[in-house]
Amino acid sequence: MNWFERTALATWLAALAFVVGALAPRAHGAPVPVKDLVTIEGTDPVEVYGYGLVIGLNGTGDGRTISYTQQSIRNLLERMGLTVSDDRIRAKNVASVMVTGLVTPFDRPGSLVDVTVSSIGDATSLAGGFLLLTELRGPDDLLYTTAQGAISVGGYDFTAFSGSRVRRNYVTSGRVPEGGRVIQGVDFAVPQEGVIHLNLDEPDFSLAKRVSDAMGSFWNTPGAVQPIDAGRIAIDLDQLAAVGGFSLAMADLDQVTVEPTMVAKVVINERTGTLVAGGGIRIQPATVSHGNLNVRIEAITGVSQPPPFSDTGETTLVSNATVDATAGSGSVVSLPSTTTADELATALNALGVEPRDLIAIFQALKEAGSLPAKMEIL
């Protein structure tokens, strides 16, 4: 595409962006259930963890340099009445791991939960391993769960004798589905009266009011639900007697839907060249011109030979460096105030602008005051 074609395309895209922006309605989020936006206060899960051993590995366990694995094997065997010295223990089929999981207030003794197993030694793979009975305790040092079972790593890692290696995903961590059995539940008294609170996952004053109004309309009790602040909503159970109490009221959160608030934000990850912008962001009037500058420095090494039959000359290496700079022709795009961020990205991509150049343009628009949105750089 030559310069004239690029300029014509830029003009056409700018005109199209103006027409589409003028006719398109303001973007709204799709309605989502309230239960996906809030968390019931007091129902936070308890994080549990414990140290354990994984056995049955095919020579991919910890090496002899991991002393605590050998000590764990010795202690385990001594509990079974066997006495083995450290120099007789081989741990290549055994790995030391940390086991983690979550116990919610609604998990009761006997409930099964998933646990995650992660190597803490120098084991190269946990594939095919079996987690021995492990106690999982919470921050209060109380025993909440025990875990045991076969590990699923969801990948593989094969190494040939020649040194070639084939790997998919990480195989030094895995999961034991329903491998944890709850021994002691988290204390939680189901409220039958009084006021309970819902915490918004993303605090916002307008969203808190929107959720409160939607729940009050659904139950036909406007005074029973009130926003406290940007992140908390109060529900008076005494006014919801006809609903059926706490459990049925919380079940209704799946039927009440609201439109989530759309925050004007542009997220940039310069390491990966990723840019994510909300489609409803309106660009203020601006003119964008961007051209690529490529600088190439190339070193050429040559050989300098002495004259024939010379007694004093020597063969030497000579380095010649060349510098070349080329600048691509930049296209100019005029943006009306009705242009959105997605329309701008589409127009620039059609002009052949690379993702990293697109990031630079959005950063320049932000500095110029033409991008009324928050910018977050990861």
Protein backbone atom coordinates (compact mmCIF):
# COMPACT_ATOMS: atom_id res chain seq x y z
CA MET A 1 0.00 0.00 0.00
CA ASN A 2 1.55 3.30 -1.12
CA TRP A 3 1.36 6.65 0.66
CA PHE A 4 -1.65 7.90 -1.32
CA GLU A 5 -3.62 4.71 -0.65
CA ARG A 6 -2.80 4.85 3.06
CA THR A 7 -3.87 8.48 3.26
CA ALA A 8 -7.14 7.78 1.43
CA LEU A 9 -7.84 4.82 3.72
CA ALA A 10 -7.16 6.94 6.78
CA THR A 11 -9.59 9.62 5.57
CA TRP A 12 -12.28 7.04 4.82
CA LEU A 13 -11.87 5.36 8.22
CA ALA A 14 -12.04 8.69 10.03
CA ALA A 15 -15.29 9.53 8.20
CA LEU A 16 -16.67 6.07 9.01
CA ALA A 17 -15.72 6.50 12.68
CA PHE A 18 -17.58 9.83 12.75
CA VAL A 19 -20.76 8.34 11.24
CA VAL A 20 -20.71 5.21 13.41
CA GLY A 21 -19.95 7.20 16.55
CA ALA A 22 -22.78 9.63 15.86
CA LEU A 23 -25.37 6.91 15.22
CA ALA A 24 -24.31 4.29 17.76
CA PRO A 25 -26.02 4.41 21.17
CA ARG A 26 -24.01 4.68 24.35
CA ALA A 27 -22.48 1.32 25.31
CA HIS A 28 -24.02 -0.53 28.23
CA GLY A 29 -22.93 -3.64 30.03
CA ALA A 30 -24.95 -6.81 29.66
CA PRO A 31 -27.13 -7.53 32.72
CA VAL A 32 -25.55 -10.03 35.11
CA PRO A 33 -26.94 -11.72 38.25
CA VAL A 34 -26.29 -9.90 41.50
CA LYS A 35 -24.68 -13.03 42.97
CA ASP A 36 -21.78 -12.58 40.51
CA LEU A 37 -21.11 -9.06 41.80
CA VAL A 38 -21.28 -9.45 45.58
CA THR A 39 -19.97 -11.55 48.45
CA ILE A 40 -21.97 -12.26 51.59
CA GLU A 41 -20.21 -10.75 54.56
CA GLY A 42 -18.90 -13.39 56.95
CA THR A 43 -18.75 -16.20 54.40
CA ASP A 44 -15.08 -15.83 53.49
CA PRO A 45 -13.34 -19.22 53.12
CA VAL A 46 -10.50 -20.31 55.38
CA GLU A 47 -7.21 -21.06 53.66
CA VAL A 48 -5.65 -24.31 54.87
CA TYR A 49 -2.25 -25.79 54.18
CA GLY A 50 0.02 -28.62 55.23
CA TYR A 51 3.24 -30.49 54.47
CA GLY A 52 3.04 -33.90 52.85
CA LEU A 53 4.78 -36.56 50.78
CA VAL A 54 4.02 -37.72 47.25
CA ILE A 55 5.03 -41.30 46.47
CA GLY A 56 5.02 -43.49 43.39
CA LEU A 57 7.01 -41.15 41.13
CA ASN A 58 8.99 -42.60 38.24
CA GLY A 59 12.43 -41.38 39.32
CA THR A 60 11.33 -37.73 39.20
CA GLY A 61 11.25 -37.09 42.96
CA ASP A 62 13.64 -35.21 45.22
CA GLY A 63 17.34 -35.90 45.09
CA ARG A 64 19.58 -36.84 48.00
CA THR A 65 20.41 -33.17 48.60
CA ILE A 66 16.90 -32.54 49.98
CA SER A 67 17.50 -33.66 53.56
CA TYR A 68 13.99 -32.97 54.86
CA THR A 69 12.52 -35.45 52.37
CA GLN A 70 14.79 -38.18 53.72
CA GLN A 71 13.94 -37.15 57.29
CA SER A 72 10.20 -37.32 56.47
CA ILE A 73 10.60 -40.81 55.00
CA ARG A 74 12.52 -41.95 58.07
CA ASN A 75 9.89 -40.54 60.46
CA LEU A 76 7.11 -42.19 58.42
CA LEU A 77 8.82 -45.57 58.51
CA GLU A 78 9.55 -45.29 62.24
CA ARG A 79 5.83 -44.73 62.89
CA MET A 80 5.28 -48.08 61.16
CA GLY A 81 7.88 -49.83 63.28
CA LEU A 82 10.74 -49.75 60.77
CA THR A 83 14.16 -48.28 61.51
CA VAL A 84 16.20 -47.24 58.48
CA SER A 85 19.40 -45.17 58.47
CA ASP A 86 19.67 -42.09 56.26
CA ASP A 87 22.31 -43.64 53.99
CA ARG A 88 19.87 -46.41 53.08
CA ILE A 89 17.07 -44.03 52.01
CA ARG A 90 16.61 -43.22 48.32
CA ALA A 91 14.09 -40.48 47.63
CA LYS A 92 14.01 -40.33 43.83
CA ASN A 93 10.47 -41.77 43.84
CA VAL A 94 9.29 -39.49 46.68
CA ALA A 95 8.78 -35.71 46.74
CA SER A 96 8.11 -33.22 49.51
CA VAL A 97 5.09 -31.05 48.76
CA MET A 98 2.92 -28.32 50.23
CA VAL A 99 -0.81 -29.01 50.07
CA THR A 100 -3.25 -26.08 50.05
CA GLY A 101 -7.02 -25.73 49.91
CA LEU A 102 -10.08 -23.70 50.89
CA VAL A 103 -12.82 -24.51 53.39
CA THR A 104 -15.98 -22.40 53.15
CA PRO A 105 -18.45 -21.81 56.01
CA PHE A 106 -20.94 -24.02 54.19
CA ASP A 107 -18.62 -27.06 54.15
CA ARG A 108 -19.52 -29.47 56.91
CA PRO A 109 -17.54 -32.36 58.42
CA GLY A 110 -17.38 -35.06 55.79
CA SER A 111 -17.61 -32.68 52.82
CA LEU A 112 -15.06 -33.19 50.03
CA VAL A 113 -12.98 -30.29 48.69
CA ASP A 114 -10.27 -29.98 46.03
CA VAL A 115 -6.66 -29.49 47.12
CA THR A 116 -3.58 -28.27 45.28
CA VAL A 117 -0.22 -30.03 45.59
CA SER A 118 3.04 -28.16 44.85
CA SER A 119 6.61 -29.40 45.05
CA ILE A 120 8.97 -27.63 47.47
CA GLY A 121 12.08 -29.68 46.69
CA ASP A 122 13.92 -30.37 43.45
CA ALA A 123 11.45 -32.91 42.05
CA THR A 124 11.14 -32.61 38.28
CA SER A 125 7.60 -34.00 37.98
CA LEU A 126 4.67 -35.08 40.15
CA ALA A 127 2.96 -36.95 37.31
CA GLY A 128 1.66 -40.33 38.40
CA GLY A 129 2.23 -39.57 42.09
CA PHE A 130 0.00 -40.33 45.05
CA LEU A 131 -0.39 -37.93 47.97
CA LEU A 132 -0.11 -39.61 51.36
CA LEU A 133 -2.49 -38.62 54.16
CA THR A 134 -1.76 -34.99 54.98
CA GLU A 135 -3.20 -32.75 57.70
CA LEU A 136 -4.27 -29.29 56.55
CA ARG A 137 -4.47 -26.55 59.18
CA GLY A 138 -5.70 -22.98 59.09
CA PRO A 139 -4.08 -19.73 60.29
CA ASP A 140 -5.39 -20.52 63.80
CA ASP A 141 -3.42 -23.82 63.72
CA LEU A 142 -6.65 -25.84 63.96
CA LEU A 143 -7.06 -29.01 61.90
CA TYR A 144 -9.74 -28.42 59.26
CA THR A 145 -9.05 -30.96 56.53
CA THR A 146 -7.14 -34.12 55.71
CA ALA A 147 -6.05 -34.81 52.14
CA GLN A 148 -5.03 -37.92 50.23
CA GLY A 149 -5.32 -39.23 46.69
CA ALA A 150 -3.90 -39.49 43.19
CA ILE A 151 -2.49 -36.28 41.68
CA SER A 152 -3.58 -34.87 38.34
CA VAL A 153 -0.99 -32.51 36.82
CA GLY A 154 -2.61 -31.91 33.42
CA GLY A 155 0.66 -32.14 31.49
CA TYR A 156 3.79 -34.15 30.84
CA ASP A 157 7.56 -33.83 30.83
CA PHE A 158 9.66 -36.42 28.99
CA THR A 159 13.44 -36.33 28.76
CA ALA A 160 15.41 -38.72 26.54
CA PHE A 161 18.90 -40.04 27.26
CA SER A 162 20.19 -37.90 24.40
CA GLY A 163 19.11 -34.74 26.26
CA SER A 164 16.05 -33.88 24.15
CA ARG A 165 13.02 -32.84 26.18
CA VAL A 166 9.31 -32.49 25.51
CA ARG A 167 7.17 -30.66 28.06
CA ARG A 168 3.60 -29.44 28.25
CA ASN A 169 2.42 -27.24 31.12
CA TYR A 170 4.04 -27.33 34.55
CA VAL A 171 4.25 -30.75 36.12
CA THR A 172 5.68 -29.78 39.52
CA SER A 173 2.21 -28.90 40.79
CA GLY A 174 -1.18 -30.54 40.44
CA ARG A 175 -4.57 -31.09 42.01
CA VAL A 176 -6.35 -33.87 43.84
CA PRO A 177 -10.02 -33.48 42.91
CA GLU A 178 -12.16 -33.97 46.03
CA GLY A 179 -9.04 -35.23 47.74
CA GLY A 180 -9.62 -33.22 50.92
CA ARG A 181 -12.13 -34.32 53.57
CA VAL A 182 -13.39 -31.65 55.98
CA ILE A 183 -12.79 -32.60 59.61
CA GLN A 184 -13.94 -29.36 61.23
CA GLY A 185 -16.15 -26.75 59.60
CA VAL A 186 -15.83 -22.98 59.76
CA ASP A 187 -18.03 -21.36 62.40
CA PHE A 188 -20.90 -19.51 60.73
CA ALA A 189 -24.29 -18.87 62.27
CA VAL A 190 -27.01 -18.47 59.65
CA PRO A 191 -28.76 -15.18 60.54
CA GLN A 192 -32.51 -15.31 60.93
CA GLU A 193 -33.10 -11.68 61.83
CA GLY A 194 -31.35 -8.36 61.93
CA VAL A 195 -29.20 -6.78 59.23
CA ILE A 196 -26.76 -8.58 56.95
CA HIS A 197 -24.35 -7.01 54.48
CA LEU A 198 -23.31 -7.73 50.92
CA ASN A 199 -19.84 -6.62 49.83
CA LEU A 200 -19.37 -5.54 46.22
CA ASP A 201 -16.40 -7.21 44.53
CA GLU A 202 -15.73 -3.94 42.68
CA PRO A 203 -16.76 -1.02 44.94
CA ASP A 204 -18.72 1.67 43.12
CA PHE A 205 -21.38 4.07 44.44
CA SER A 206 -23.58 3.91 41.34
CA LEU A 207 -23.42 0.12 41.22
CA ALA A 208 -24.30 -0.12 44.93
CA LYS A 209 -27.40 1.99 44.36
CA ARG A 210 -28.30 0.05 41.23
CA VAL A 211 -28.08 -3.28 43.07
CA SER A 212 -30.08 -1.94 46.01
CA ASP A 213 -32.86 -0.63 43.76
CA ALA A 214 -33.03 -3.89 41.79
CA MET A 215 -33.26 -6.05 44.91
CA GLY A 216 -35.85 -3.77 46.50
CA SER A 217 -37.98 -3.88 43.35
CA PHE A 218 -37.68 -7.68 43.10
CA TRP A 219 -38.86 -8.18 46.69
CA ASN A 220 -41.23 -5.18 46.57
CA THR A 221 -39.66 -3.92 49.80
CA PRO A 222 -37.68 -0.76 48.91
CA GLY A 223 -36.75 0.02 52.52
CA ALA A 224 -35.29 -3.40 53.21
CA VAL A 225 -32.21 -2.88 51.03
CA GLN A 226 -30.02 0.21 51.40
CA PRO A 227 -26.51 1.05 50.15
CA ILE A 228 -24.13 1.88 53.00
CA ASP A 229 -21.14 3.01 50.97
CA ALA A 230 -19.41 2.23 47.66
CA GLY A 231 -18.67 -1.35 48.65
CA ARG A 232 -21.38 -2.47 51.08
CA ILE A 233 -25.15 -3.00 50.93
CA ALA A 234 -27.36 -3.62 53.98
CA ILE A 235 -30.33 -6.03 53.92
CA ASP A 236 -32.86 -5.98 56.76
CA LEU A 237 -34.07 -9.55 57.22
CA ASP A 238 -36.89 -8.43 59.50
CA GLN A 239 -38.57 -6.79 56.49
CA LEU A 240 -38.10 -9.89 54.35
CA ALA A 241 -40.19 -12.27 56.41
CA ALA A 242 -42.43 -12.98 53.42
CA VAL A 243 -39.40 -13.92 51.30
CA GLY A 244 -38.56 -16.89 53.50
CA GLY A 245 -35.53 -15.88 55.48
CA PHE A 246 -31.80 -15.69 54.81
CA SER A 247 -31.33 -18.77 52.62
CA LEU A 248 -34.20 -18.08 50.23
CA ALA A 249 -33.29 -14.39 50.03
CA MET A 250 -29.71 -15.25 49.05
CA ALA A 251 -31.01 -17.74 46.48
CA ASP A 252 -32.95 -14.88 44.85
CA LEU A 253 -29.65 -13.12 44.09
CA ASP A 254 -29.36 -15.42 41.09
CA GLN A 255 -32.61 -14.02 39.64
CA VAL A 256 -31.99 -10.32 40.26
CA THR A 257 -29.95 -8.86 37.39
CA VAL A 258 -28.33 -5.44 37.00
CA GLU A 259 -26.10 -3.75 34.46
CA PRO A 260 -22.56 -3.49 35.86
CA THR A 261 -20.85 -0.13 35.72
CA MET A 262 -18.32 0.28 32.92
CA VAL A 263 -15.20 2.02 34.21
CA ALA A 264 -13.34 4.08 31.62
CA LYS A 265 -9.95 2.42 31.86
CA VAL A 266 -7.14 1.48 29.49
CA VAL A 267 -4.87 -1.35 30.65
CA ILE A 268 -1.43 -1.65 29.04
CA ASN A 269 1.14 -4.43 29.34
CA GLU A 270 4.26 -3.20 27.55
CA ARG A 271 6.13 -6.45 28.19
CA THR A 272 3.73 -8.43 26.03
CA GLY A 273 2.45 -5.61 23.81
CA THR A 274 -1.12 -6.00 25.08
CA LEU A 275 -3.65 -3.17 25.22
CA VAL A 276 -7.20 -3.53 26.55
CA ALA A 277 -9.57 -0.56 26.38
CA GLY A 278 -13.26 -0.23 27.15
CA GLY A 279 -15.34 0.07 24.01
CA GLY A 280 -17.42 2.93 25.40
CA ILE A 281 -14.48 5.33 25.93
CA ARG A 282 -15.04 8.48 23.85
CA ILE A 283 -11.96 10.09 22.34
CA GLN A 284 -11.87 13.88 22.51
CA PRO A 285 -11.03 15.74 19.25
CA ALA A 286 -7.44 14.96 18.26
CA THR A 287 -5.16 14.41 15.29
CA VAL A 288 -2.92 11.35 15.24
CA SER A 289 0.20 11.04 13.11
CA HIS A 290 2.58 8.17 13.63
CA GLY A 291 5.55 6.99 11.60
CA ASN A 292 7.96 4.13 12.21
CA LEU A 293 11.66 4.78 12.65
CA ASN A 294 13.94 1.78 12.18
CA VAL A 295 17.62 2.01 13.09
CA ARG A 296 19.97 -0.79 12.03
CA ILE A 297 23.59 -1.09 13.06
CA GLU A 298 25.48 -3.84 11.28
CA ALA A 299 29.07 -4.91 11.95
CA ILE A 300 31.05 -6.50 9.11
CA THR A 301 34.33 -8.26 9.85
CA GLY A 302 36.90 -8.48 7.05
CA VAL A 303 40.40 -9.90 6.59
CA SER A 304 43.36 -7.63 5.69
CA GLN A 305 46.17 -9.48 3.88
CA PRO A 306 49.76 -8.11 3.56
CA PRO A 307 51.30 -7.58 0.10
CA PRO A 308 52.79 -10.67 -1.60
CA PHE A 309 56.29 -11.68 -0.42
CA SER A 310 56.15 -9.13 2.45
CA ASP A 311 58.45 -9.77 5.39
CA THR A 312 56.82 -7.36 7.86
CA GLY A 313 53.08 -7.61 7.04
CA GLU A 314 50.58 -9.57 9.13
CA THR A 315 47.12 -10.92 8.47
CA THR A 316 44.62 -9.02 10.64
CA LEU A 317 40.84 -8.80 11.13
CA VAL A 318 39.18 -5.45 10.35
CA SER A 319 35.70 -4.50 11.65
CA ASN A 320 33.58 -2.10 9.62
CA ALA A 321 30.34 -0.85 11.17
CA THR A 322 27.50 0.53 9.08
CA VAL A 323 24.51 2.47 10.40
CA ASP A 324 21.25 2.69 8.48
CA ALA A 325 18.14 4.59 9.55
CA THR A 326 14.81 4.41 7.71
CA ALA A 327 11.57 6.18 8.56
CA GLY A 328 8.25 4.91 7.32
CA SER A 329 5.71 7.35 6.00
CA GLY A 330 3.23 8.32 8.71
CA SER A 331 -0.48 8.64 8.01
CA VAL A 332 -2.60 11.36 9.60
CA VAL A 333 -6.00 10.50 11.11
CA SER A 334 -8.35 13.21 12.35
CA LEU A 335 -10.55 12.00 15.20
CA PRO A 336 -13.95 13.58 15.97
CA SER A 337 -15.24 13.67 19.53
CA THR A 338 -17.66 10.79 18.82
CA THR A 339 -14.87 8.31 18.06
CA THR A 340 -14.59 5.48 20.58
CA ALA A 341 -11.49 3.62 21.67
CA ASP A 342 -12.40 0.45 19.77
CA GLU A 343 -13.07 2.46 16.57
CA LEU A 344 -9.66 4.12 16.93
CA ALA A 345 -7.93 0.77 17.47
CA THR A 346 -9.72 -0.70 14.43
CA ALA A 347 -8.73 2.24 12.22
CA LEU A 348 -5.09 2.13 13.33
CA ASN A 349 -4.88 -1.63 12.85
CA ALA A 350 -6.21 -1.20 9.30
CA LEU A 351 -3.32 1.20 8.67
CA GLY A 352 -0.84 -1.49 9.70
CA VAL A 353 0.01 -0.03 13.13
CA GLU A 354 1.63 -2.68 15.32
CA PRO A 355 0.41 -3.32 18.89
CA ARG A 356 3.39 -1.61 20.52
CA ASP A 357 2.90 1.46 18.31
CA LEU A 358 -0.78 1.39 19.24
CA ILE A 359 0.24 1.52 22.91
CA ALA A 360 2.43 4.55 22.23
CA ILE A 361 -0.46 6.33 20.48
CA PHE A 362 -2.85 5.72 23.37
CA GLN A 363 -0.25 6.97 25.85
CA ALA A 364 0.22 10.12 23.76
CA LEU A 365 -3.56 10.68 23.61
CA LYS A 366 -3.70 10.38 27.40
CA GLU A 367 -0.93 12.97 27.81
CA ALA A 368 -2.68 15.29 25.36
CA GLY A 369 -5.92 15.12 27.35
CA SER A 370 -7.86 13.47 24.54
CA LEU A 371 -8.35 10.15 26.33
CA PRO A 372 -10.73 10.66 29.28
CA ALA A 373 -9.97 7.36 30.98
CA LYS A 374 -7.75 5.92 33.65
CA MET A 375 -4.60 4.28 32.36
CA GLU A 376 -3.07 1.34 34.17
CA ILE A 377 0.31 -0.10 33.16
CA LEU A 378 1.03 -3.65 34.25
